[in-house]
Amino acid sequence: MVDCVGQKLGNYRLIKLLGKGGFADVYEGEHVYLKTPAAIKVLQIQPTDEAFDKFLAEARTIARLTHPNIVPVLEFGIENDMPFLVMGYASYGSLRQRHPFGSVLPAVTILPYVKQVAIALQYAHERKIIHRDVKPENMLLGQSQVLMLSDFGIATTAHSMHTLRAGRLERPRIWRPSSLMASLAWRVTSMHWAWWSMNGFVELRPLKVLL
């Protein structure tokens, strides 16, 4: 992996490395003229046609989603054969950074997170986009502690998830807003509920919550 700190990609200069992924790294960047921050995702593996197509597909997927609880795409470009994606910057990091693995949180802290993630997922589902990688590392906190869902790298469209069973084509199940919120409410009120089944990331004792 190449360290790109200090490099200029488009109108942005890379300030520091924020995280590494399977095929791309994410940097904190700054617009060289406006001095505004951004998160820059840089494709680090050999840019084969398949890798580039996947990276571009992610950019196009997020670009279709304009919502306060989904990280926005600001720009996509190629500099010296290096594809990069410019996204909104989450100044408060991810939920995993805010609440390390094993943290036990009260319902009053969890519920705003659950509500914002549910709203973001519902918005994406209404546009037939399924995230498929919802986890604390992909939930970012921006200005005013607004939660933003990120990393649509393995997202897919609903029509591409049709499955063939018993000789017939079946469509994936997408929850309606009412059933989604009802399910979330039930999970919150369940005994020792592990938030999003994250191996004990958050555990609650029996309680009642009204959404």
C-alpha atoms as a PDB file:
ATOM      1  CA  MET A   1       0.000   0.000   0.000  1.00  0.00           C
ATOM      2  CA  VAL A   2       1.254   3.465  -0.923  1.00  0.00           C
ATOM      3  CA  ASP A   3       1.062   6.264   1.645  1.00  0.00           C
ATOM      4  CA  CYS A   4      -0.544   9.178  -0.166  1.00  0.00           C
ATOM      5  CA  VAL A   5      -0.346  11.774   2.633  1.00  0.00           C
ATOM      6  CA  GLY A   6       0.702  15.121   1.159  1.00  0.00           C
ATOM      7  CA  GLN A   7      -0.399  14.265  -2.364  1.00  0.00           C
ATOM      8  CA  LYS A   8      -2.848  16.433  -4.286  1.00  0.00           C
ATOM      9  CA  LEU A   9      -5.811  14.711  -5.931  1.00  0.00           C
ATOM     10  CA  GLY A  10      -7.963  17.056  -7.962  1.00  0.00           C
ATOM     11  CA  ASN A  11      -8.637  20.099  -5.814  1.00  0.00           C
ATOM     12  CA  TYR A  12      -7.877  18.257  -2.582  1.00  0.00           C
ATOM     13  CA  ARG A  13      -4.675  17.633  -0.642  1.00  0.00           C
ATOM     14  CA  LEU A  14      -4.451  14.521   1.544  1.00  0.00           C
ATOM     15  CA  ILE A  15      -3.755  15.464   5.162  1.00  0.00           C
ATOM     16  CA  LYS A  16      -3.722  12.176   7.080  1.00  0.00           C
ATOM     17  CA  LEU A  17      -4.754   8.543   6.822  1.00  0.00           C
ATOM     18  CA  LEU A  18      -8.097   7.767   8.469  1.00  0.00           C
ATOM     19  CA  GLY A  19      -8.453   4.072   7.721  1.00  0.00           C
ATOM     20  CA  LYS A  20      -7.560   1.182   5.434  1.00  0.00           C
ATOM     21  CA  GLY A  21      -9.962  -1.078   3.604  1.00  0.00           C
ATOM     22  CA  GLY A  22      -9.758  -4.153   1.442  1.00  0.00           C
ATOM     23  CA  PHE A  23      -9.080  -2.284  -1.776  1.00  0.00           C
ATOM     24  CA  ALA A  24      -9.091   1.398  -0.827  1.00  0.00           C
ATOM     25  CA  ASP A  25      -7.755   3.730   1.862  1.00  0.00           C
ATOM     26  CA  VAL A  26      -9.577   6.730   3.317  1.00  0.00           C
ATOM     27  CA  TYR A  27      -7.795  10.000   4.031  1.00  0.00           C
ATOM     28  CA  GLU A  28      -8.738  13.274   5.594  1.00  0.00           C
ATOM     29  CA  GLY A  29      -8.355  15.872   2.865  1.00  0.00           C
ATOM     30  CA  GLU A  30      -8.665  19.603   2.433  1.00  0.00           C
ATOM     31  CA  HIS A  31      -9.804  21.641  -0.546  1.00  0.00           C
ATOM     32  CA  VAL A  32      -6.717  23.575  -1.649  1.00  0.00           C
ATOM     33  CA  TYR A  33      -8.689  26.759  -2.372  1.00  0.00           C
ATOM     34  CA  LEU A  34     -11.716  26.667  -0.084  1.00  0.00           C
ATOM     35  CA  LYS A  35      -9.865  25.058   2.853  1.00  0.00           C
ATOM     36  CA  THR A  36     -12.881  22.854   3.581  1.00  0.00           C
ATOM     37  CA  PRO A  37     -12.408  19.287   4.906  1.00  0.00           C
ATOM     38  CA  ALA A  38     -13.419  16.125   3.088  1.00  0.00           C
ATOM     39  CA  ALA A  39     -12.922  12.381   3.280  1.00  0.00           C
ATOM     40  CA  ILE A  40     -10.983  11.067   0.285  1.00  0.00           C
ATOM     41  CA  LYS A  41     -11.276   7.395  -0.609  1.00  0.00           C
ATOM     42  CA  VAL A  42      -8.353   6.287  -2.783  1.00  0.00           C
ATOM     43  CA  LEU A  43      -8.233   3.039  -4.749  1.00  0.00           C
ATOM     44  CA  GLN A  44      -4.973   1.399  -3.704  1.00  0.00           C
ATOM     45  CA  ILE A  45      -4.922  -1.919  -5.505  1.00  0.00           C
ATOM     46  CA  GLN A  46      -3.840  -2.247  -9.112  1.00  0.00           C
ATOM     47  CA  PRO A  47      -6.605  -0.404 -11.001  1.00  0.00           C
ATOM     48  CA  THR A  48      -7.863  -3.276 -13.133  1.00  0.00           C
ATOM     49  CA  ASP A  49     -11.061  -2.839 -15.092  1.00  0.00           C
ATOM     50  CA  GLU A  50     -12.954  -4.869 -12.488  1.00  0.00           C
ATOM     51  CA  ALA A  51     -11.589  -2.876  -9.530  1.00  0.00           C
ATOM     52  CA  PHE A  52     -12.255   0.432 -11.249  1.00  0.00           C
ATOM     53  CA  ASP A  53     -15.794  -0.583 -12.197  1.00  0.00           C
ATOM     54  CA  LYS A  54     -16.520  -1.572  -8.586  1.00  0.00           C
ATOM     55  CA  PHE A  55     -15.110   1.685  -7.265  1.00  0.00           C
ATOM     56  CA  LEU A  56     -17.066   3.750  -9.782  1.00  0.00           C
ATOM     57  CA  ALA A  57     -20.221   1.777  -9.009  1.00  0.00           C
ATOM     58  CA  GLU A  58     -19.869   2.716  -5.322  1.00  0.00           C
ATOM     59  CA  ALA A  59     -19.483   6.394  -6.242  1.00  0.00           C
ATOM     60  CA  ARG A  60     -22.550   6.293  -8.467  1.00  0.00           C
ATOM     61  CA  THR A  61     -24.552   4.451  -5.818  1.00  0.00           C
ATOM     62  CA  ILE A  62     -23.881   7.050  -3.118  1.00  0.00           C
ATOM     63  CA  ALA A  63     -24.329   9.913  -5.596  1.00  0.00           C
ATOM     64  CA  ARG A  64     -27.919   8.723  -6.117  1.00  0.00           C
ATOM     65  CA  LEU A  65     -28.614   9.056  -2.396  1.00  0.00           C
ATOM     66  CA  THR A  66     -29.142  12.603  -1.165  1.00  0.00           C
ATOM     67  CA  HIS A  67     -30.034  12.330   2.494  1.00  0.00           C
ATOM     68  CA  PRO A  68     -28.724  13.924   5.725  1.00  0.00           C
ATOM     69  CA  ASN A  69     -28.097  10.460   7.217  1.00  0.00           C
ATOM     70  CA  ILE A  70     -26.026   9.195   4.279  1.00  0.00           C
ATOM     71  CA  VAL A  71     -22.498  10.451   3.655  1.00  0.00           C
ATOM     72  CA  PRO A  72     -22.592  12.665   0.528  1.00  0.00           C
ATOM     73  CA  VAL A  73     -20.416  12.327  -2.579  1.00  0.00           C
ATOM     74  CA  LEU A  74     -18.699  15.580  -3.497  1.00  0.00           C
ATOM     75  CA  GLU A  75     -16.523  14.515  -6.413  1.00  0.00           C
ATOM     76  CA  PHE A  76     -15.038  11.566  -8.309  1.00  0.00           C
ATOM     77  CA  GLY A  77     -11.876  11.723 -10.347  1.00  0.00           C
ATOM     78  CA  ILE A  78      -8.685  10.084 -11.584  1.00  0.00           C
ATOM     79  CA  GLU A  79      -5.246  11.564 -10.900  1.00  0.00           C
ATOM     80  CA  ASN A  80      -2.136   9.863 -12.314  1.00  0.00           C
ATOM     81  CA  ASP A  81      -4.122   6.670 -12.935  1.00  0.00           C
ATOM     82  CA  MET A  82      -5.319   6.771  -9.300  1.00  0.00           C
ATOM     83  CA  PRO A  83      -9.136   6.810  -8.938  1.00  0.00           C
ATOM     84  CA  PHE A  84     -10.434   8.706  -5.920  1.00  0.00           C
ATOM     85  CA  LEU A  85     -13.786   9.483  -4.349  1.00  0.00           C
ATOM     86  CA  VAL A  86     -14.411  12.689  -2.373  1.00  0.00           C
ATOM     87  CA  MET A  87     -17.055  12.444   0.352  1.00  0.00           C
ATOM     88  CA  GLY A  88     -18.400  14.522   3.201  1.00  0.00           C
ATOM     89  CA  TYR A  89     -16.133  14.598   6.251  1.00  0.00           C
ATOM     90  CA  ALA A  90     -17.355  13.161   9.547  1.00  0.00           C
ATOM     91  CA  SER A  91     -15.569  15.291  12.123  1.00  0.00           C
ATOM     92  CA  TYR A  92     -16.471  13.015  15.051  1.00  0.00           C
ATOM     93  CA  GLY A  93     -15.378   9.719  13.508  1.00  0.00           C
ATOM     94  CA  SER A  94     -17.307   6.448  13.539  1.00  0.00           C
ATOM     95  CA  LEU A  95     -19.513   4.899  16.177  1.00  0.00           C
ATOM     96  CA  ARG A  96     -16.857   2.232  16.678  1.00  0.00           C
ATOM     97  CA  GLN A  97     -14.363   4.962  17.564  1.00  0.00           C
ATOM     98  CA  ARG A  98     -16.861   6.706  19.809  1.00  0.00           C
ATOM     99  CA  HIS A  99     -17.969   3.479  21.519  1.00  0.00           C
ATOM    100  CA  PRO A 100     -15.223   0.796  21.478  1.00  0.00           C
ATOM    101  CA  PHE A 101     -16.131  -2.875  21.213  1.00  0.00           C
ATOM    102  CA  GLY A 102     -17.813  -4.093  24.390  1.00  0.00           C
ATOM    103  CA  SER A 103     -19.230  -0.692  25.389  1.00  0.00           C
ATOM    104  CA  VAL A 104     -22.529  -0.850  27.264  1.00  0.00           C
ATOM    105  CA  LEU A 105     -24.810   2.080  26.444  1.00  0.00           C
ATOM    106  CA  PRO A 106     -28.167   3.243  27.820  1.00  0.00           C
ATOM    107  CA  ALA A 107     -31.245   3.298  25.620  1.00  0.00           C
ATOM    108  CA  VAL A 108     -31.261   7.096  25.577  1.00  0.00           C
ATOM    109  CA  THR A 109     -27.941   6.941  23.696  1.00  0.00           C
ATOM    110  CA  ILE A 110     -28.822   4.064  21.398  1.00  0.00           C
ATOM    111  CA  LEU A 111     -32.262   5.145  20.209  1.00  0.00           C
ATOM    112  CA  PRO A 112     -31.127   8.229  18.237  1.00  0.00           C
ATOM    113  CA  TYR A 113     -28.551   6.042  16.449  1.00  0.00           C
ATOM    114  CA  VAL A 114     -31.122   3.354  15.651  1.00  0.00           C
ATOM    115  CA  LYS A 115     -33.644   5.880  14.388  1.00  0.00           C
ATOM    116  CA  GLN A 116     -31.160   7.634  12.098  1.00  0.00           C
ATOM    117  CA  VAL A 117     -29.803   4.377  10.664  1.00  0.00           C
ATOM    118  CA  ALA A 118     -33.336   3.079  10.092  1.00  0.00           C
ATOM    119  CA  ILE A 119     -34.311   6.270   8.263  1.00  0.00           C
ATOM    120  CA  ALA A 120     -31.180   6.110   6.087  1.00  0.00           C
ATOM    121  CA  LEU A 121     -31.716   2.452   5.217  1.00  0.00           C
ATOM    122  CA  GLN A 122     -35.381   3.023   4.433  1.00  0.00           C
ATOM    123  CA  TYR A 123     -34.458   5.900   2.128  1.00  0.00           C
ATOM    124  CA  ALA A 124     -31.944   3.668   0.325  1.00  0.00           C
ATOM    125  CA  HIS A 125     -34.401   0.759   0.128  1.00  0.00           C
ATOM    126  CA  GLU A 126     -37.035   2.987  -1.428  1.00  0.00           C
ATOM    127  CA  ARG A 127     -34.483   3.564  -4.191  1.00  0.00           C
ATOM    128  CA  LYS A 128     -33.847  -0.177  -4.392  1.00  0.00           C
ATOM    129  CA  ILE A 129     -30.350   0.033  -2.902  1.00  0.00           C
ATOM    130  CA  ILE A 130     -29.375  -2.477  -0.215  1.00  0.00           C
ATOM    131  CA  HIS A 131     -26.315  -1.595   1.887  1.00  0.00           C
ATOM    132  CA  ARG A 132     -25.302  -5.116   3.071  1.00  0.00           C
ATOM    133  CA  ASP A 133     -22.545  -3.944   5.444  1.00  0.00           C
ATOM    134  CA  VAL A 134     -24.261  -2.062   8.284  1.00  0.00           C
ATOM    135  CA  LYS A 135     -21.918  -1.952  11.278  1.00  0.00           C
ATOM    136  CA  PRO A 136     -20.553   0.647  13.754  1.00  0.00           C
ATOM    137  CA  GLU A 137     -17.460   1.232  11.616  1.00  0.00           C
ATOM    138  CA  ASN A 138     -19.707   2.409   8.771  1.00  0.00           C
ATOM    139  CA  MET A 139     -21.803   4.761  10.893  1.00  0.00           C
ATOM    140  CA  LEU A 140     -20.145   8.182  11.012  1.00  0.00           C
ATOM    141  CA  LEU A 141     -20.867  11.195  13.178  1.00  0.00           C
ATOM    142  CA  GLY A 142     -20.844  14.561  11.446  1.00  0.00           C
ATOM    143  CA  GLN A 143     -21.755  18.083  12.467  1.00  0.00           C
ATOM    144  CA  SER A 144     -24.185  18.319  15.376  1.00  0.00           C
ATOM    145  CA  GLN A 145     -23.616  14.595  15.966  1.00  0.00           C
ATOM    146  CA  VAL A 146     -25.767  13.676  12.954  1.00  0.00           C
ATOM    147  CA  LEU A 147     -25.217  10.026  12.058  1.00  0.00           C
ATOM    148  CA  MET A 148     -24.270   9.295   8.440  1.00  0.00           C
ATOM    149  CA  LEU A 149     -24.256   5.812   6.922  1.00  0.00           C
ATOM    150  CA  SER A 150     -21.151   5.227   4.804  1.00  0.00           C
ATOM    151  CA  ASP A 151     -19.279   2.640   2.742  1.00  0.00           C
ATOM    152  CA  PHE A 152     -21.622   1.389   0.056  1.00  0.00           C
ATOM    153  CA  GLY A 153     -18.761  -0.610  -1.472  1.00  0.00           C
ATOM    154  CA  ILE A 154     -20.685  -3.898  -1.449  1.00  0.00           C
ATOM    155  CA  ALA A 155     -24.147  -2.388  -1.788  1.00  0.00           C
ATOM    156  CA  THR A 156     -26.373  -3.811  -4.479  1.00  0.00           C
ATOM    157  CA  THR A 157     -29.647  -2.997  -6.151  1.00  0.00           C
ATOM    158  CA  ALA A 158     -32.740  -4.945  -5.208  1.00  0.00           C
ATOM    159  CA  HIS A 159     -33.292  -6.275  -8.718  1.00  0.00           C
ATOM    160  CA  SER A 160     -29.805  -7.830  -8.716  1.00  0.00           C
ATOM    161  CA  MET A 161     -30.638  -9.848  -5.579  1.00  0.00           C
ATOM    162  CA  HIS A 162     -33.433 -11.887  -7.116  1.00  0.00           C
ATOM    163  CA  THR A 163     -32.887 -15.532  -6.301  1.00  0.00           C
ATOM    164  CA  LEU A 164     -34.034 -18.676  -8.039  1.00  0.00           C
ATOM    165  CA  ARG A 165     -35.671 -21.138  -5.691  1.00  0.00           C
ATOM    166  CA  ALA A 166     -37.665 -24.240  -6.578  1.00  0.00           C
ATOM    167  CA  GLY A 167     -37.663 -23.187 -10.214  1.00  0.00           C
ATOM    168  CA  ARG A 168     -39.149 -19.761  -9.605  1.00  0.00           C
ATOM    169  CA  LEU A 169     -37.700 -16.276  -9.231  1.00  0.00           C
ATOM    170  CA  GLU A 170     -38.010 -14.732  -5.781  1.00  0.00           C
ATOM    171  CA  ARG A 171     -37.510 -11.133  -4.792  1.00  0.00           C
ATOM    172  CA  PRO A 172     -35.580 -10.056  -1.685  1.00  0.00           C
ATOM    173  CA  ARG A 173     -37.615  -8.886   1.281  1.00  0.00           C
ATOM    174  CA  ILE A 174     -37.501  -5.134   1.933  1.00  0.00           C
ATOM    175  CA  TRP A 175     -39.253  -3.833   5.029  1.00  0.00           C
ATOM    176  CA  ARG A 176     -41.843  -1.098   4.929  1.00  0.00           C
ATOM    177  CA  PRO A 177     -41.199   1.836   7.296  1.00  0.00           C
ATOM    178  CA  SER A 178     -43.837   0.646   9.770  1.00  0.00           C
ATOM    179  CA  SER A 179     -42.553  -2.926   9.937  1.00  0.00           C
ATOM    180  CA  LEU A 180     -38.938  -1.745  10.107  1.00  0.00           C
ATOM    181  CA  MET A 181     -39.579   0.570  13.053  1.00  0.00           C
ATOM    182  CA  ALA A 182     -41.719  -2.068  14.750  1.00  0.00           C
ATOM    183  CA  SER A 183     -38.892  -4.575  14.455  1.00  0.00           C
ATOM    184  CA  LEU A 184     -36.393  -2.084  15.842  1.00  0.00           C
ATOM    185  CA  ALA A 185     -38.712  -1.280  18.740  1.00  0.00           C
ATOM    186  CA  TRP A 186     -39.114  -4.950  19.505  1.00  0.00           C
ATOM    187  CA  ARG A 187     -35.357  -5.450  19.476  1.00  0.00           C
ATOM    188  CA  VAL A 188     -34.806  -2.545  21.850  1.00  0.00           C
ATOM    189  CA  THR A 189     -37.320  -3.963  24.320  1.00  0.00           C
ATOM    190  CA  SER A 190     -35.946  -7.492  24.138  1.00  0.00           C
ATOM    191  CA  MET A 191     -33.929  -8.896  27.018  1.00  0.00           C
ATOM    192  CA  HIS A 192     -30.167  -8.422  26.573  1.00  0.00           C
ATOM    193  CA  TRP A 193     -30.586  -7.139  23.039  1.00  0.00           C
ATOM    194  CA  ALA A 194     -27.274  -6.905  21.174  1.00  0.00           C
ATOM    195  CA  TRP A 195     -27.475  -3.868  18.939  1.00  0.00           C
ATOM    196  CA  TRP A 196     -27.548  -4.993  15.283  1.00  0.00           C
ATOM    197  CA  SER A 197     -26.191  -8.371  16.476  1.00  0.00           C
ATOM    198  CA  MET A 198     -22.734  -6.837  16.792  1.00  0.00           C
ATOM    199  CA  ASN A 199     -21.340  -9.485  19.127  1.00  0.00           C
ATOM    200  CA  GLY A 200     -22.191  -7.562  22.238  1.00  0.00           C
ATOM    201  CA  PHE A 201     -21.297  -4.103  20.927  1.00  0.00           C
ATOM    202  CA  VAL A 202     -24.240  -2.788  22.950  1.00  0.00           C
ATOM    203  CA  GLU A 203     -26.274  -4.779  25.432  1.00  0.00           C
ATOM    204  CA  LEU A 204     -29.451  -3.675  27.162  1.00  0.00           C
ATOM    205  CA  ARG A 205     -31.313  -5.033  30.136  1.00  0.00           C
ATOM    206  CA  PRO A 206     -35.109  -5.500  29.949  1.00  0.00           C
ATOM    207  CA  LEU A 207     -36.872  -2.179  29.434  1.00  0.00           C
ATOM    208  CA  LYS A 208     -39.724  -0.569  27.545  1.00  0.00           C
ATOM    209  CA  VAL A 209     -39.174   1.997  24.835  1.00  0.00           C
ATOM    210  CA  LEU A 210     -41.793   3.934  22.916  1.00  0.00           C
ATOM    211  CA  LEU A 211     -40.754   4.958  19.390  1.00  0.00           C
END
